[in-house]
């Protein structure tokens, strides 16, 4: 009596056919993305590994000092040194390379899309449900198309991270541009500023602190994908966490996990410090 009627839909089959079509039709495009992404990750990783360990720690200390305080800088440097003592230095560099590549791509795509949404209500109406779906869909679902298009490895990790981490910078860019004081915009228009001049010299500078908050959120969400991305072959600290889970290795799991926490603290505080500097500069100007 209470059984569901014998009605079936084949939406999944249609999606599967669509993915097959995309993979076949745009194979060259996906190969280009794979080539650029892999070269970018490898370049950043080689640069970070080539850099002397003491120089990298000094750089973190100086960034922490400039954007927060001298105590914060020393603390962040100690965190990085501690990760090195765990024997996870190269894994940390790989993780940073993946995060940097993903965040750079997110910013290149996200900020222009956010600006477009701010200027076009129709485009914003279309994009908002897509952004909602990107933010609410389980993270593991992103791994399926990533593996299909790019195979196992760091490029698939970037693709999955991109879908997960892109919405915050888009939303906050749109919010920031829309939130610029109308009197300031009217003043710029009265001086004969074009739309491009107004965007470049008025709206973006005024919106920069909020956009930087979006950069912070995107970066933290990219870091949150580190462990999940290891399931598609991403290397780095997330891979060590996955190995520890498979082996039930509490020691390795703790060290890799706390290393990710240290990175999260450092990245969050420094990017917040950058946003604070922009906010302070805006208040002075």
Protein backbone atom coordinates (compact mmCIF):
# COMPACT_ATOMS: atom_id res chain seq x y z
CA UNK A 1 0.00 0.00 0.00
CA UNK A 2 2.68 2.50 0.97
CA UNK A 3 5.13 1.59 -1.79
CA UNK A 4 6.22 4.29 -4.22
CA UNK A 5 4.78 3.83 -7.75
CA UNK A 6 6.98 2.09 -10.31
CA UNK A 7 8.12 5.33 -11.99
CA UNK A 8 11.76 5.90 -12.84
CA UNK A 9 13.60 8.85 -14.34
CA UNK A 10 16.94 8.73 -16.12
CA UNK A 11 18.27 12.20 -15.31
CA UNK A 12 21.58 10.70 -14.20
CA UNK A 13 21.99 9.05 -17.61
CA UNK A 14 21.44 12.39 -19.34
CA UNK A 15 24.06 14.02 -17.13
CA UNK A 16 26.45 11.16 -17.89
CA UNK A 17 25.88 11.67 -21.63
CA UNK A 18 26.45 15.41 -21.26
CA UNK A 19 29.76 14.86 -19.46
CA UNK A 20 30.85 12.39 -22.16
CA UNK A 21 29.95 14.97 -24.81
CA UNK A 22 31.90 17.72 -23.06
CA UNK A 23 34.93 15.49 -22.59
CA UNK A 24 34.96 14.48 -26.25
CA UNK A 25 34.12 17.87 -27.78
CA UNK A 26 36.35 20.04 -25.58
CA UNK A 27 39.21 17.59 -25.07
CA UNK A 28 41.76 20.13 -26.33
CA UNK A 29 40.42 22.79 -23.97
CA UNK A 30 40.64 20.48 -20.94
CA UNK A 31 44.15 19.44 -21.97
CA UNK A 32 45.12 23.12 -22.10
CA UNK A 33 43.69 23.71 -18.61
CA UNK A 34 45.55 20.64 -17.36
CA UNK A 35 48.82 21.85 -18.89
CA UNK A 36 48.55 25.40 -17.50
CA UNK A 37 47.43 24.25 -14.05
CA UNK A 38 50.09 21.56 -13.69
CA UNK A 39 52.84 23.91 -14.84
CA UNK A 40 51.65 26.59 -12.41
CA UNK A 41 51.54 24.19 -9.45
CA UNK A 42 54.92 22.71 -10.29
CA UNK A 43 56.48 26.14 -10.76
CA UNK A 44 55.20 27.47 -7.42
CA UNK A 45 56.16 24.25 -5.63
CA UNK A 46 59.68 24.24 -7.09
CA UNK A 47 60.14 27.88 -6.10
CA UNK A 48 58.99 27.22 -2.53
CA UNK A 49 61.16 24.10 -2.16
CA UNK A 50 64.16 25.91 -3.68
CA UNK A 51 63.76 28.73 -1.16
CA UNK A 52 65.97 28.23 1.95
CA UNK A 53 63.90 27.13 4.94
CA UNK A 54 65.14 29.99 7.11
CA UNK A 55 64.25 32.54 4.43
CA UNK A 56 60.69 31.23 4.15
CA UNK A 57 60.26 31.34 7.93
CA UNK A 58 61.71 34.88 7.99
CA UNK A 59 59.25 35.88 5.27
CA UNK A 60 56.33 34.55 7.33
CA UNK A 61 57.62 36.40 10.41
CA UNK A 62 57.88 39.68 8.48
CA UNK A 63 54.39 39.27 6.98
CA UNK A 64 52.93 38.53 10.41
CA UNK A 65 54.78 41.51 11.91
CA UNK A 66 53.66 43.92 9.17
CA UNK A 67 50.01 42.88 9.04
CA UNK A 68 49.45 41.97 12.71
CA UNK A 69 52.19 42.38 15.34
CA UNK A 70 55.74 41.31 16.13
CA UNK A 71 54.42 38.64 18.53
CA UNK A 72 52.14 37.27 15.81
CA UNK A 73 55.01 37.17 13.31
CA UNK A 74 57.24 35.22 15.70
CA UNK A 75 54.38 32.84 16.54
CA UNK A 76 53.64 32.18 12.85
CA UNK A 77 57.33 31.57 12.20
CA UNK A 78 57.40 29.08 15.07
CA UNK A 79 54.37 27.27 13.62
CA UNK A 80 56.14 26.89 10.26
CA UNK A 81 59.34 25.71 11.98
CA UNK A 82 57.30 23.15 13.95
CA UNK A 83 55.79 21.77 10.73
CA UNK A 84 59.32 21.32 9.43
CA UNK A 85 60.29 19.36 12.53
CA UNK A 86 57.41 16.97 11.82
CA UNK A 87 59.17 16.04 8.57
CA UNK A 88 56.34 17.59 6.54
CA UNK A 89 58.18 20.54 4.99
CA UNK A 90 57.83 19.45 1.33
CA UNK A 91 54.24 18.35 1.90
CA UNK A 92 53.50 21.80 3.30
CA UNK A 93 55.04 23.45 0.22
CA UNK A 94 52.93 21.25 -2.07
CA UNK A 95 49.79 22.19 -0.14
CA UNK A 96 50.66 25.90 -0.32
CA UNK A 97 51.28 25.58 -4.07
CA UNK A 98 47.88 23.94 -4.62
CA UNK A 99 46.11 26.56 -2.49
CA UNK A 100 47.88 29.49 -4.19
CA UNK A 101 47.06 28.17 -7.66
CA UNK A 102 43.41 27.57 -6.75
CA UNK A 103 43.05 31.00 -5.12
CA UNK A 104 44.70 32.81 -8.05
CA UNK A 105 42.29 31.13 -10.49
CA UNK A 106 39.36 31.92 -8.17
CA UNK A 107 40.31 35.61 -8.11
CA UNK A 108 40.87 35.79 -11.88
CA UNK A 109 37.39 34.33 -12.45
CA UNK A 110 35.52 35.49 -9.35
CA UNK A 111 36.19 39.24 -9.21
CA UNK A 112 35.15 39.96 -12.84
CA UNK A 113 32.04 37.77 -12.43
CA UNK A 114 31.16 39.61 -9.20
CA UNK A 115 31.58 42.99 -10.93
CA UNK A 116 29.39 41.81 -13.83
CA UNK A 117 26.73 40.65 -11.38
CA UNK A 118 26.82 44.03 -9.66
CA UNK A 119 26.14 45.83 -12.96
CA UNK A 120 23.63 43.34 -14.41
CA UNK A 121 20.57 42.29 -12.41
CA UNK A 122 19.66 39.68 -15.03
CA UNK A 123 23.08 38.02 -14.87
CA UNK A 124 22.96 38.18 -11.07
CA UNK A 125 19.55 36.46 -11.07
CA UNK A 126 20.93 33.63 -13.23
CA UNK A 127 24.15 33.23 -11.22
CA UNK A 128 22.73 33.17 -7.71
CA UNK A 129 21.08 29.71 -7.95
CA UNK A 130 24.31 28.36 -9.45
CA UNK A 131 26.34 29.81 -6.58
CA UNK A 132 23.85 28.37 -4.09
CA UNK A 133 24.26 24.93 -5.68
CA UNK A 134 28.07 25.23 -5.64
CA UNK A 135 28.04 26.09 -1.93
CA UNK A 136 25.46 23.54 -0.78
CA UNK A 137 26.40 20.51 -2.86
CA UNK A 138 28.47 17.96 -0.88
CA UNK A 139 32.18 18.47 -1.48
CA UNK A 140 32.74 14.85 -2.51
CA UNK A 141 30.45 15.32 -5.53
CA UNK A 142 32.96 17.75 -7.05
CA UNK A 143 35.54 15.00 -7.19
CA UNK A 144 33.63 12.94 -9.80
CA UNK A 145 33.85 15.40 -12.74
CA UNK A 146 37.35 16.39 -11.61
CA UNK A 147 38.58 12.80 -12.01
CA UNK A 148 36.71 12.37 -15.30
CA UNK A 149 38.14 15.48 -16.98
CA UNK A 150 41.64 15.63 -15.49
CA UNK A 151 42.41 12.20 -14.00
CA UNK A 152 43.99 11.71 -10.60
CA UNK A 153 46.41 14.31 -9.28
CA UNK A 154 46.82 17.91 -8.20
CA UNK A 155 44.95 19.39 -11.19
CA UNK A 156 41.79 17.51 -10.23
CA UNK A 157 42.23 18.86 -6.70
CA UNK A 158 42.35 22.42 -8.06
CA UNK A 159 39.22 21.85 -10.15
CA UNK A 160 37.26 20.52 -7.17
CA UNK A 161 38.61 23.29 -4.92
CA UNK A 162 37.68 25.90 -7.52
CA UNK A 163 34.00 24.93 -7.49
CA UNK A 164 33.91 24.93 -3.69
CA UNK A 165 35.93 28.11 -3.04
CA UNK A 166 34.76 30.37 -5.89
CA UNK A 167 31.32 31.55 -4.60
CA UNK A 168 32.50 33.68 -1.61
CA UNK A 169 34.70 36.02 -3.67
CA UNK A 170 31.94 36.38 -6.31
CA UNK A 171 29.24 37.16 -3.75
CA UNK A 172 31.34 39.59 -1.72
CA UNK A 173 32.60 41.38 -4.83
CA UNK A 174 29.03 41.92 -5.98
CA UNK A 175 28.01 43.05 -2.50
CA UNK A 176 30.99 45.40 -2.27
CA UNK A 177 30.35 47.07 -5.64
CA UNK A 178 26.63 47.47 -4.93
CA UNK A 179 27.43 48.88 -1.48
CA UNK A 180 29.49 51.82 -2.72
CA UNK A 181 27.95 55.10 -1.57
CA UNK A 182 25.60 56.45 -4.25
CA UNK A 183 26.68 60.03 -3.52
CA UNK A 184 30.26 59.11 -4.38
CA UNK A 185 29.09 57.55 -7.66
CA UNK A 186 26.94 60.58 -8.51
CA UNK A 187 29.89 62.85 -7.78
CA UNK A 188 32.10 60.86 -10.16
CA UNK A 189 29.38 60.96 -12.84
CA UNK A 190 29.06 64.73 -12.47
CA UNK A 191 32.74 65.04 -13.41
CA UNK A 192 32.10 63.11 -16.61
CA UNK A 193 33.67 59.80 -15.59
CA UNK A 194 32.99 56.87 -17.89
CA UNK A 195 31.74 53.56 -16.48
CA UNK A 196 35.25 52.07 -16.71
CA UNK A 197 36.86 55.12 -15.02
CA UNK A 198 34.24 55.05 -12.29
CA UNK A 199 34.81 51.33 -11.70
CA UNK A 200 38.60 51.64 -11.69
CA UNK A 201 39.01 54.85 -9.69
CA UNK A 202 35.92 54.94 -7.46
CA UNK A 203 34.03 51.69 -7.00
CA UNK A 204 36.88 49.15 -6.79
CA UNK A 205 38.97 51.22 -4.33
CA UNK A 206 35.90 51.77 -2.14
CA UNK A 207 34.93 48.10 -2.35
CA UNK A 208 38.43 46.70 -1.81
CA UNK A 209 38.13 45.93 1.96
CA UNK A 210 34.99 43.85 1.38
CA UNK A 211 36.56 42.15 -1.64
CA UNK A 212 39.57 41.27 0.53
CA UNK A 213 37.18 39.65 2.99
CA UNK A 214 36.00 37.53 0.07
CA UNK A 215 39.61 36.64 -0.74
CA UNK A 216 40.05 35.54 2.88
CA UNK A 217 36.95 33.33 2.75
CA UNK A 218 37.96 31.82 -0.60
CA UNK A 219 41.45 31.04 0.70
CA UNK A 220 40.13 29.37 3.84
CA UNK A 221 37.63 27.30 1.85
CA UNK A 222 40.44 26.23 -0.50
CA UNK A 223 42.42 25.08 2.51
CA UNK A 224 39.38 23.22 3.82
CA UNK A 225 39.41 21.10 0.64
CA UNK A 226 42.98 19.87 1.24
CA UNK A 227 42.04 16.56 2.88
CA UNK A 228 39.06 15.88 0.59
CA UNK A 229 41.16 16.64 -2.50
CA UNK A 230 43.70 14.02 -1.40
CA UNK A 231 41.09 11.41 -2.35
CA UNK A 232 41.66 12.27 -6.03
CA UNK A 233 45.42 12.00 -5.75
CA UNK A 234 46.31 15.48 -4.48
CA UNK A 235 49.63 15.48 -2.69
CA UNK A 236 50.64 17.45 0.37
CA UNK A 237 49.40 17.52 3.95
CA UNK A 238 45.97 16.20 2.99
CA UNK A 239 47.56 13.09 1.51
CA UNK A 240 49.38 12.47 4.81
CA UNK A 241 46.08 12.73 6.69
CA UNK A 242 44.53 10.20 4.29
CA UNK A 243 47.50 7.85 4.73
CA UNK A 244 47.16 8.17 8.52
CA UNK A 245 43.46 7.29 8.31
CA UNK A 246 44.17 4.21 6.20
CA UNK A 247 46.92 3.05 8.54
CA UNK A 248 45.17 4.22 11.73
CA UNK A 249 48.41 6.10 12.45
CA UNK A 250 47.52 8.50 15.26
CA UNK A 251 50.96 10.12 15.33
CA UNK A 252 51.05 10.98 11.62
CA UNK A 253 47.39 11.99 11.65
CA UNK A 254 47.92 14.40 14.52
CA UNK A 255 51.05 15.96 13.02
CA UNK A 256 49.54 16.39 9.54
CA UNK A 257 46.24 17.61 11.00
CA UNK A 258 47.82 20.16 13.33
CA UNK A 259 50.02 21.35 10.43
CA UNK A 260 46.87 22.13 8.42
CA UNK A 261 45.50 23.98 11.46
CA UNK A 262 48.72 26.02 11.72
CA UNK A 263 48.51 26.95 8.04
CA UNK A 264 44.85 27.89 8.45
CA UNK A 265 45.66 30.20 11.37
CA UNK A 266 48.54 31.87 9.52
CA UNK A 267 46.61 32.36 6.27
CA UNK A 268 43.50 33.61 8.06
CA UNK A 269 45.34 36.13 10.22
CA UNK A 270 47.53 37.47 7.42
CA UNK A 271 44.69 37.86 4.90
CA UNK A 272 42.56 39.50 7.59
CA UNK A 273 45.50 41.80 8.29
CA UNK A 274 45.68 42.72 4.59
CA UNK A 275 41.95 43.54 4.62
CA UNK A 276 42.43 45.59 7.79
CA UNK A 277 45.25 47.57 6.16
CA UNK A 278 43.02 48.40 3.19
CA UNK A 279 40.18 49.39 5.53
CA UNK A 280 42.53 51.61 7.55
CA UNK A 281 43.94 53.21 4.39
CA UNK A 282 40.41 53.85 3.16
CA UNK A 283 39.46 55.48 6.46
CA UNK A 284 42.52 57.76 6.33
CA UNK A 285 41.91 58.73 2.71
